[in-house]
Amino acid sequence: MHHAAMGLPLSRKDLHNEASRISGKPVGKKWQAGFEKHHLKLQSMKPARLDPKCAKNFNRTVIGNYFDRLEEIHSKFPSGIPPEHI
């Protein structure tokens, strides 16, 4: 859930590797189905495609402008802005 909240959910392979690491032994092929059955809050899904409009605006100029503005705003508040307000 922590990874998903950060926008970086685990792939099936990563989940199997993490479960094997934690348990100290390899987990079986059907392990994930049982895990999902016992943890109904969790679900596996395929990621959505990146919207072409978003991809077009993901470039050095736009990102640089964002961080320049963010730095300008931070300089107006010497005590800092809490991350949840950004």
PDB file of N, CA and C in Angstrom:
ATOM      1  N   MET A   1       0.836  -1.189   0.000  1.00  0.00           N
ATOM      2  CA  MET A   1       0.000   0.000   0.000  1.00  0.00           C
ATOM      3  C   MET A   1       0.880   1.252   0.000  1.00  0.00           C
ATOM      4  N   HIS A   2       2.018   1.157   0.674  1.00  0.00           N
ATOM      5  CA  HIS A   2       2.947   2.295   0.712  1.00  0.00           C
ATOM      6  C   HIS A   2       3.429   2.634  -0.703  1.00  0.00           C
ATOM      7  N   HIS A   3       3.822   1.629  -1.448  1.00  0.00           N
ATOM      8  CA  HIS A   3       4.281   1.857  -2.819  1.00  0.00           C
ATOM      9  C   HIS A   3       3.168   2.427  -3.689  1.00  0.00           C
ATOM     10  N   ALA A   4       1.976   1.919  -3.553  1.00  0.00           N
ATOM     11  CA  ALA A   4       0.848   2.412  -4.343  1.00  0.00           C
ATOM     12  C   ALA A   4       0.538   3.864  -4.012  1.00  0.00           C
ATOM     13  N   ALA A   5       0.609   4.222  -2.723  1.00  0.00           N
ATOM     14  CA  ALA A   5       0.346   5.600  -2.316  1.00  0.00           C
ATOM     15  C   ALA A   5       1.366   6.560  -2.916  1.00  0.00           C
ATOM     16  N   MET A   6       2.589   6.064  -3.150  1.00  0.00           N
ATOM     17  CA  MET A   6       3.617   6.892  -3.761  1.00  0.00           C
ATOM     18  C   MET A   6       3.490   6.906  -5.283  1.00  0.00           C
ATOM     19  N   GLY A   7       2.534   6.143  -5.818  1.00  0.00           N
ATOM     20  CA  GLY A   7       2.369   6.068  -7.263  1.00  0.00           C
ATOM     21  C   GLY A   7       3.320   5.078  -7.912  1.00  0.00           C
ATOM     22  N   LEU A   8       3.881   4.182  -7.100  1.00  0.00           N
ATOM     23  CA  LEU A   8       4.827   3.184  -7.601  1.00  0.00           C
ATOM     24  C   LEU A   8       4.419   1.785  -7.136  1.00  0.00           C
ATOM     25  N   PRO A   9       3.267   1.305  -7.570  1.00  0.00           N
ATOM     26  CA  PRO A   9       2.834  -0.012  -7.096  1.00  0.00           C
ATOM     27  C   PRO A   9       3.779  -1.109  -7.568  1.00  0.00           C
ATOM     28  N   LEU A  10       3.839  -2.184  -6.807  1.00  0.00           N
ATOM     29  CA  LEU A  10       4.710  -3.311  -7.135  1.00  0.00           C
ATOM     30  C   LEU A  10       4.131  -4.113  -8.295  1.00  0.00           C
ATOM     31  N   SER A  11       4.996  -4.565  -9.176  1.00  0.00           N
ATOM     32  CA  SER A  11       4.568  -5.481 -10.233  1.00  0.00           C
ATOM     33  C   SER A  11       4.380  -6.861  -9.600  1.00  0.00           C
ATOM     34  N   ARG A  12       3.788  -7.799 -10.342  1.00  0.00           N
ATOM     35  CA  ARG A  12       3.627  -9.159  -9.820  1.00  0.00           C
ATOM     36  C   ARG A  12       4.988  -9.755  -9.454  1.00  0.00           C
ATOM     37  N   LYS A  13       5.966  -9.539 -10.335  1.00  0.00           N
ATOM     38  CA  LYS A  13       7.302 -10.076 -10.103  1.00  0.00           C
ATOM     39  C   LYS A  13       7.916  -9.465  -8.846  1.00  0.00           C
ATOM     40  N   ASP A  14       7.788  -8.141  -8.693  1.00  0.00           N
ATOM     41  CA  ASP A  14       8.329  -7.477  -7.510  1.00  0.00           C
ATOM     42  C   ASP A  14       7.645  -7.961  -6.237  1.00  0.00           C
ATOM     43  N   LEU A  15       6.325  -8.152  -6.314  1.00  0.00           N
ATOM     44  CA  LEU A  15       5.580  -8.631  -5.155  1.00  0.00           C
ATOM     45  C   LEU A  15       6.050 -10.025  -4.751  1.00  0.00           C
ATOM     46  N   HIS A  16       6.228 -10.910  -5.742  1.00  0.00           N
ATOM     47  CA  HIS A  16       6.732 -12.254  -5.448  1.00  0.00           C
ATOM     48  C   HIS A  16       8.132 -12.192  -4.830  1.00  0.00           C
ATOM     49  N   ASN A  17       8.995 -11.355  -5.400  1.00  0.00           N
ATOM     50  CA  ASN A  17      10.361 -11.235  -4.871  1.00  0.00           C
ATOM     51  C   ASN A  17      10.355 -10.712  -3.437  1.00  0.00           C
ATOM     52  N   GLU A  18       9.511  -9.725  -3.183  1.00  0.00           N
ATOM     53  CA  GLU A  18       9.438  -9.147  -1.835  1.00  0.00           C
ATOM     54  C   GLU A  18       8.895 -10.172  -0.835  1.00  0.00           C
ATOM     55  N   ALA A  19       7.863 -10.914  -1.228  1.00  0.00           N
ATOM     56  CA  ALA A  19       7.293 -11.944  -0.346  1.00  0.00           C
ATOM     57  C   ALA A  19       8.330 -13.035  -0.066  1.00  0.00           C
ATOM     58  N   SER A  20       9.081 -13.420  -1.091  1.00  0.00           N
ATOM     59  CA  SER A  20      10.131 -14.432  -0.901  1.00  0.00           C
ATOM     60  C   SER A  20      11.224 -13.917   0.021  1.00  0.00           C
ATOM     61  N   ARG A  21      11.598 -12.649  -0.137  1.00  0.00           N
ATOM     62  CA  ARG A  21      12.636 -12.056   0.708  1.00  0.00           C
ATOM     63  C   ARG A  21      12.186 -12.036   2.170  1.00  0.00           C
ATOM     64  N   ILE A  22      10.929 -11.618   2.392  1.00  0.00           N
ATOM     65  CA  ILE A  22      10.404 -11.517   3.753  1.00  0.00           C
ATOM     66  C   ILE A  22      10.282 -12.892   4.404  1.00  0.00           C
ATOM     67  N   SER A  23       9.781 -13.877   3.651  1.00  0.00           N
ATOM     68  CA  SER A  23       9.567 -15.208   4.220  1.00  0.00           C
ATOM     69  C   SER A  23      10.854 -16.025   4.308  1.00  0.00           C
ATOM     70  N   GLY A  24      11.857 -15.653   3.511  1.00  0.00           N
ATOM     71  CA  GLY A  24      13.114 -16.399   3.537  1.00  0.00           C
ATOM     72  C   GLY A  24      13.098 -17.631   2.661  1.00  0.00           C
ATOM     73  N   LYS A  25      12.012 -17.829   1.909  1.00  0.00           N
ATOM     74  CA  LYS A  25      11.923 -18.966   0.978  1.00  0.00           C
ATOM     75  C   LYS A  25      11.067 -18.555  -0.214  1.00  0.00           C
ATOM     76  N   PRO A  26      11.237 -19.200  -1.353  1.00  0.00           N
ATOM     77  CA  PRO A  26      10.449 -18.824  -2.541  1.00  0.00           C
ATOM     78  C   PRO A  26       8.952 -19.088  -2.323  1.00  0.00           C
ATOM     79  N   VAL A  27       8.125 -18.172  -2.829  1.00  0.00           N
ATOM     80  CA  VAL A  27       6.677 -18.387  -2.746  1.00  0.00           C
ATOM     81  C   VAL A  27       6.220 -19.081  -4.030  1.00  0.00           C
ATOM     82  N   GLY A  28       5.105 -19.801  -3.937  1.00  0.00           N
ATOM     83  CA  GLY A  28       4.599 -20.558  -5.076  1.00  0.00           C
ATOM     84  C   GLY A  28       3.900 -19.692  -6.109  1.00  0.00           C
ATOM     85  N   LYS A  29       3.567 -20.319  -7.239  1.00  0.00           N
ATOM     86  CA  LYS A  29       2.913 -19.613  -8.339  1.00  0.00           C
ATOM     87  C   LYS A  29       1.525 -19.102  -7.954  1.00  0.00           C
ATOM     88  N   LYS A  30       0.843 -19.815  -7.077  1.00  0.00           N
ATOM     89  CA  LYS A  30      -0.522 -19.435  -6.691  1.00  0.00           C
ATOM     90  C   LYS A  30      -0.552 -18.558  -5.437  1.00  0.00           C
ATOM     91  N   TRP A  31       0.612 -18.181  -4.947  1.00  0.00           N
ATOM     92  CA  TRP A  31       0.691 -17.407  -3.716  1.00  0.00           C
ATOM     93  C   TRP A  31      -0.068 -16.091  -3.826  1.00  0.00           C
ATOM     94  N   GLN A  32       0.082 -15.381  -4.932  1.00  0.00           N
ATOM     95  CA  GLN A  32      -0.544 -14.063  -5.055  1.00  0.00           C
ATOM     96  C   GLN A  32      -2.067 -14.156  -5.008  1.00  0.00           C
ATOM     97  N   ALA A  33      -2.648 -15.172  -5.622  1.00  0.00           N
ATOM     98  CA  ALA A  33      -4.106 -15.329  -5.589  1.00  0.00           C
ATOM     99  C   ALA A  33      -4.593 -15.481  -4.155  1.00  0.00           C
ATOM    100  N   GLY A  34      -3.901 -16.285  -3.369  1.00  0.00           N
ATOM    101  CA  GLY A  34      -4.263 -16.459  -1.964  1.00  0.00           C
ATOM    102  C   GLY A  34      -4.069 -15.182  -1.161  1.00  0.00           C
ATOM    103  N   PHE A  35      -2.992 -14.466  -1.455  1.00  0.00           N
ATOM    104  CA  PHE A  35      -2.710 -13.209  -0.774  1.00  0.00           C
ATOM    105  C   PHE A  35      -3.825 -12.205  -1.049  1.00  0.00           C
ATOM    106  N   GLU A  36      -4.219 -12.077  -2.323  1.00  0.00           N
ATOM    107  CA  GLU A  36      -5.285 -11.132  -2.682  1.00  0.00           C
ATOM    108  C   GLU A  36      -6.630 -11.551  -2.075  1.00  0.00           C
ATOM    109  N   LYS A  37      -6.854 -12.846  -1.946  1.00  0.00           N
ATOM    110  CA  LYS A  37      -8.101 -13.352  -1.352  1.00  0.00           C
ATOM    111  C   LYS A  37      -8.207 -12.956   0.126  1.00  0.00           C
ATOM    112  N   HIS A  38      -7.060 -12.937   0.820  1.00  0.00           N
ATOM    113  CA  HIS A  38      -7.047 -12.588   2.243  1.00  0.00           C
ATOM    114  C   HIS A  38      -6.925 -11.094   2.497  1.00  0.00           C
ATOM    115  N   HIS A  39      -6.535 -10.333   1.483  1.00  0.00           N
ATOM    116  CA  HIS A  39      -6.348  -8.888   1.620  1.00  0.00           C
ATOM    117  C   HIS A  39      -7.193  -8.190   0.560  1.00  0.00           C
ATOM    118  N   LEU A  40      -8.487  -8.078   0.832  1.00  0.00           N
ATOM    119  CA  LEU A  40      -9.440  -7.571  -0.154  1.00  0.00           C
ATOM    120  C   LEU A  40      -9.228  -6.099  -0.510  1.00  0.00           C
ATOM    121  N   LYS A  41      -8.523  -5.337   0.347  1.00  0.00           N
ATOM    122  CA  LYS A  41      -8.239  -3.943   0.041  1.00  0.00           C
ATOM    123  C   LYS A  41      -7.282  -3.814  -1.139  1.00  0.00           C
ATOM    124  N   LEU A  42      -6.475  -4.845  -1.330  1.00  0.00           N
ATOM    125  CA  LEU A  42      -5.470  -4.815  -2.382  1.00  0.00           C
ATOM    126  C   LEU A  42      -6.013  -5.463  -3.647  1.00  0.00           C
ATOM    127  N   GLN A  43      -5.575  -4.950  -4.775  1.00  0.00           N
ATOM    128  CA  GLN A  43      -5.951  -5.551  -6.050  1.00  0.00           C
ATOM    129  C   GLN A  43      -4.873  -5.279  -7.073  1.00  0.00           C
ATOM    130  N   SER A  44      -4.734  -6.202  -8.010  1.00  0.00           N
ATOM    131  CA  SER A  44      -3.743  -5.987  -9.056  1.00  0.00           C
ATOM    132  C   SER A  44      -4.460  -5.457 -10.293  1.00  0.00           C
ATOM    133  N   MET A  45      -3.795  -4.555 -10.976  1.00  0.00           N
ATOM    134  CA  MET A  45      -4.371  -3.940 -12.167  1.00  0.00           C
ATOM    135  C   MET A  45      -3.254  -3.633 -13.151  1.00  0.00           C
ATOM    136  N   LYS A  46      -3.636  -3.448 -14.396  1.00  0.00           N
ATOM    137  CA  LYS A  46      -2.684  -3.000 -15.401  1.00  0.00           C
ATOM    138  C   LYS A  46      -2.652  -1.480 -15.363  1.00  0.00           C
ATOM    139  N   PRO A  47      -1.489  -0.885 -15.555  1.00  0.00           N
ATOM    140  CA  PRO A  47      -1.413   0.580 -15.542  1.00  0.00           C
ATOM    141  C   PRO A  47      -2.135   1.185 -16.744  1.00  0.00           C
ATOM    142  N   ALA A  48      -2.657   2.381 -16.549  1.00  0.00           N
ATOM    143  CA  ALA A  48      -3.318   3.096 -17.637  1.00  0.00           C
ATOM    144  C   ALA A  48      -2.258   3.708 -18.550  1.00  0.00           C
ATOM    145  N   ARG A  49      -2.619   3.913 -19.801  1.00  0.00           N
ATOM    146  CA  ARG A  49      -1.702   4.547 -20.744  1.00  0.00           C
ATOM    147  C   ARG A  49      -1.520   6.017 -20.384  1.00  0.00           C
ATOM    148  N   LEU A  50      -0.368   6.542 -20.717  1.00  0.00           N
ATOM    149  CA  LEU A  50      -0.077   7.945 -20.493  1.00  0.00           C
ATOM    150  C   LEU A  50      -0.812   8.771 -21.534  1.00  0.00           C
ATOM    151  N   ASP A  51      -1.575   9.744 -21.072  1.00  0.00           N
ATOM    152  CA  ASP A  51      -2.303  10.639 -21.967  1.00  0.00           C
ATOM    153  C   ASP A  51      -1.303  11.389 -22.838  1.00  0.00           C
ATOM    154  N   PRO A  52      -1.491  11.412 -24.160  1.00  0.00           N
ATOM    155  CA  PRO A  52      -0.552  12.109 -25.045  1.00  0.00           C
ATOM    156  C   PRO A  52      -0.348  13.578 -24.681  1.00  0.00           C
ATOM    157  N   LYS A  53      -1.389  14.233 -24.156  1.00  0.00           N
ATOM    158  CA  LYS A  53      -1.263  15.644 -23.755  1.00  0.00           C
ATOM    159  C   LYS A  53      -0.291  15.768 -22.582  1.00  0.00           C
ATOM    160  N   CYS A  54      -0.348  14.828 -21.658  1.00  0.00           N
ATOM    161  CA  CYS A  54       0.579  14.847 -20.519  1.00  0.00           C
ATOM    162  C   CYS A  54       2.000  14.562 -21.007  1.00  0.00           C
ATOM    163  N   ALA A  55       2.137  13.584 -21.888  1.00  0.00           N
ATOM    164  CA  ALA A  55       3.461  13.227 -22.395  1.00  0.00           C
ATOM    165  C   ALA A  55       4.093  14.404 -23.132  1.00  0.00           C
ATOM    166  N   LYS A  56       3.278  15.135 -23.902  1.00  0.00           N
ATOM    167  CA  LYS A  56       3.775  16.284 -24.671  1.00  0.00           C
ATOM    168  C   LYS A  56       4.341  17.356 -23.741  1.00  0.00           C
ATOM    169  N   ASN A  57       3.734  17.530 -22.579  1.00  0.00           N
ATOM    170  CA  ASN A  57       4.153  18.569 -21.643  1.00  0.00           C
ATOM    171  C   ASN A  57       5.203  18.100 -20.644  1.00  0.00           C
ATOM    172  N   PHE A  58       5.631  16.875 -20.776  1.00  0.00           N
ATOM    173  CA  PHE A  58       6.668  16.362 -19.878  1.00  0.00           C
ATOM    174  C   PHE A  58       8.009  16.538 -20.580  1.00  0.00           C
ATOM    175  N   ASN A  59       8.532  17.759 -20.513  1.00  0.00           N
ATOM    176  CA  ASN A  59       9.808  18.057 -21.153  1.00  0.00           C
ATOM    177  C   ASN A  59      10.631  18.967 -20.244  1.00  0.00           C
ATOM    178  N   ARG A  60      11.883  19.154 -20.591  1.00  0.00           N
ATOM    179  CA  ARG A  60      12.823  19.899 -19.745  1.00  0.00           C
ATOM    180  C   ARG A  60      12.346  21.319 -19.454  1.00  0.00           C
ATOM    181  N   THR A  61      11.797  22.015 -20.458  1.00  0.00           N
ATOM    182  CA  THR A  61      11.364  23.402 -20.286  1.00  0.00           C
ATOM    183  C   THR A  61      10.209  23.507 -19.293  1.00  0.00           C
ATOM    184  N   VAL A  62       9.199  22.677 -19.476  1.00  0.00           N
ATOM    185  CA  VAL A  62       8.014  22.723 -18.602  1.00  0.00           C
ATOM    186  C   VAL A  62       8.383  22.318 -17.178  1.00  0.00           C
ATOM    187  N   ILE A  63       9.147  21.260 -17.037  1.00  0.00           N
ATOM    188  CA  ILE A  63       9.533  20.791 -15.704  1.00  0.00           C
ATOM    189  C   ILE A  63      10.430  21.829 -15.020  1.00  0.00           C
ATOM    190  N   GLY A  64      11.374  22.407 -15.768  1.00  0.00           N
ATOM    191  CA  GLY A  64      12.246  23.443 -15.215  1.00  0.00           C
ATOM    192  C   GLY A  64      11.451  24.640 -14.738  1.00  0.00           C
ATOM    193  N   ASN A  65      10.456  25.051 -15.524  1.00  0.00           N
ATOM    194  CA  ASN A  65       9.590  26.175 -15.159  1.00  0.00           C
ATOM    195  C   ASN A  65       8.827  25.870 -13.867  1.00  0.00           C
ATOM    196  N   TYR A  66       8.339  24.647 -13.739  1.00  0.00           N
ATOM    197  CA  TYR A  66       7.622  24.240 -12.531  1.00  0.00           C
ATOM    198  C   TYR A  66       8.515  24.412 -11.299  1.00  0.00           C
ATOM    199  N   PHE A  67       9.743  23.898 -11.374  1.00  0.00           N
ATOM    200  CA  PHE A  67      10.632  23.969 -10.214  1.00  0.00           C
ATOM    201  C   PHE A  67      11.096  25.394  -9.939  1.00  0.00           C
ATOM    202  N   ASP A  68      11.241  26.209 -10.969  1.00  0.00           N
ATOM    203  CA  ASP A  68      11.572  27.625 -10.760  1.00  0.00           C
ATOM    204  C   ASP A  68      10.457  28.320  -9.982  1.00  0.00           C
ATOM    205  N   ARG A  69       9.219  28.066 -10.378  1.00  0.00           N
ATOM    206  CA  ARG A  69       8.070  28.657  -9.674  1.00  0.00           C
ATOM    207  C   ARG A  69       7.973  28.135  -8.247  1.00  0.00           C
ATOM    208  N   LEU A  70       8.214  26.849  -8.076  1.00  0.00           N
ATOM    209  CA  LEU A  70       8.158  26.251  -6.740  1.00  0.00           C
ATOM    210  C   LEU A  70       9.212  26.885  -5.828  1.00  0.00           C
ATOM    211  N   GLU A  71      10.400  27.082  -6.346  1.00  0.00           N
ATOM    212  CA  GLU A  71      11.470  27.720  -5.566  1.00  0.00           C
ATOM    213  C   GLU A  71      11.097  29.159  -5.208  1.00  0.00           C
ATOM    214  N   GLU A  72      10.472  29.853  -6.141  1.00  0.00           N
ATOM    215  CA  GLU A  72      10.029  31.235  -5.889  1.00  0.00           C
ATOM    216  C   GLU A  72       9.007  31.274  -4.752  1.00  0.00           C
ATOM    217  N   ILE A  73       8.072  30.357  -4.771  1.00  0.00           N
ATOM    218  CA  ILE A  73       7.052  30.291  -3.720  1.00  0.00           C
ATOM    219  C   ILE A  73       7.697  29.949  -2.379  1.00  0.00           C
ATOM    220  N   HIS A  74       8.620  28.992  -2.383  1.00  0.00           N
ATOM    221  CA  HIS A  74       9.306  28.614  -1.138  1.00  0.00           C
ATOM    222  C   HIS A  74      10.062  29.796  -0.543  1.00  0.00           C
ATOM    223  N   SER A  75      10.637  30.638  -1.391  1.00  0.00           N
ATOM    224  CA  SER A  75      11.410  31.779  -0.877  1.00  0.00           C
ATOM    225  C   SER A  75      10.522  32.809  -0.176  1.00  0.00           C
ATOM    226  N   LYS A  76       9.225  32.794  -0.462  1.00  0.00           N
ATOM    227  CA  LYS A  76       8.295  33.734   0.175  1.00  0.00           C
ATOM    228  C   LYS A  76       7.894  33.281   1.569  1.00  0.00           C
ATOM    229  N   PHE A  77       8.163  32.016   1.900  1.00  0.00           N
ATOM    230  CA  PHE A  77       7.790  31.450   3.195  1.00  0.00           C
ATOM    231  C   PHE A  77       9.043  30.868   3.853  1.00  0.00           C
ATOM    232  N   PRO A  78       9.782  31.700   4.592  1.00  0.00           N
ATOM    233  CA  PRO A  78      11.063  31.268   5.180  1.00  0.00           C
ATOM    234  C   PRO A  78      10.961  30.041   6.085  1.00  0.00           C
ATOM    235  N   SER A  79       9.840  29.869   6.769  1.00  0.00           N
ATOM    236  CA  SER A  79       9.712  28.710   7.660  1.00  0.00           C
ATOM    237  C   SER A  79       9.395  27.437   6.890  1.00  0.00           C
ATOM    238  N   GLY A  80       9.157  27.568   5.602  1.00  0.00           N
ATOM    239  CA  GLY A  80       8.878  26.403   4.764  1.00  0.00           C
ATOM    240  C   GLY A  80       7.399  26.133   4.598  1.00  0.00           C
ATOM    241  N   ILE A  81       7.090  25.415   3.565  1.00  0.00           N
ATOM    242  CA  ILE A  81       5.707  25.016   3.268  1.00  0.00           C
ATOM    243  C   ILE A  81       5.595  23.532   3.544  1.00  0.00           C
ATOM    244  N   PRO A  82       4.642  23.103   4.357  1.00  0.00           N
ATOM    245  CA  PRO A  82       4.479  21.676   4.611  1.00  0.00           C
ATOM    246  C   PRO A  82       4.249  20.925   3.300  1.00  0.00           C
ATOM    247  N   PRO A  83       4.873  19.755   3.127  1.00  0.00           N
ATOM    248  CA  PRO A  83       4.735  18.995   1.883  1.00  0.00           C
ATOM    249  C   PRO A  83       3.288  18.724   1.488  1.00  0.00           C
ATOM    250  N   GLU A  84       2.408  18.545   2.476  1.00  0.00           N
ATOM    251  CA  GLU A  84       0.994  18.254   2.136  1.00  0.00           C
ATOM    252  C   GLU A  84       0.291  19.438   1.518  1.00  0.00           C
ATOM    253  N   HIS A  85       0.916  20.633   1.580  1.00  0.00           N
ATOM    254  CA  HIS A  85       0.321  21.824   0.988  1.00  0.00           C
ATOM    255  C   HIS A  85       0.910  22.169  -0.371  1.00  0.00           C
ATOM    256  N   ILE A  86       1.804  21.344  -0.855  1.00  0.00           N
ATOM    257  CA  ILE A  86       2.435  21.596  -2.157  1.00  0.00           C
ATOM    258  C   ILE A  86       1.626  20.908  -3.240  1.00  0.00           C
TER     259      ILE A  86
END
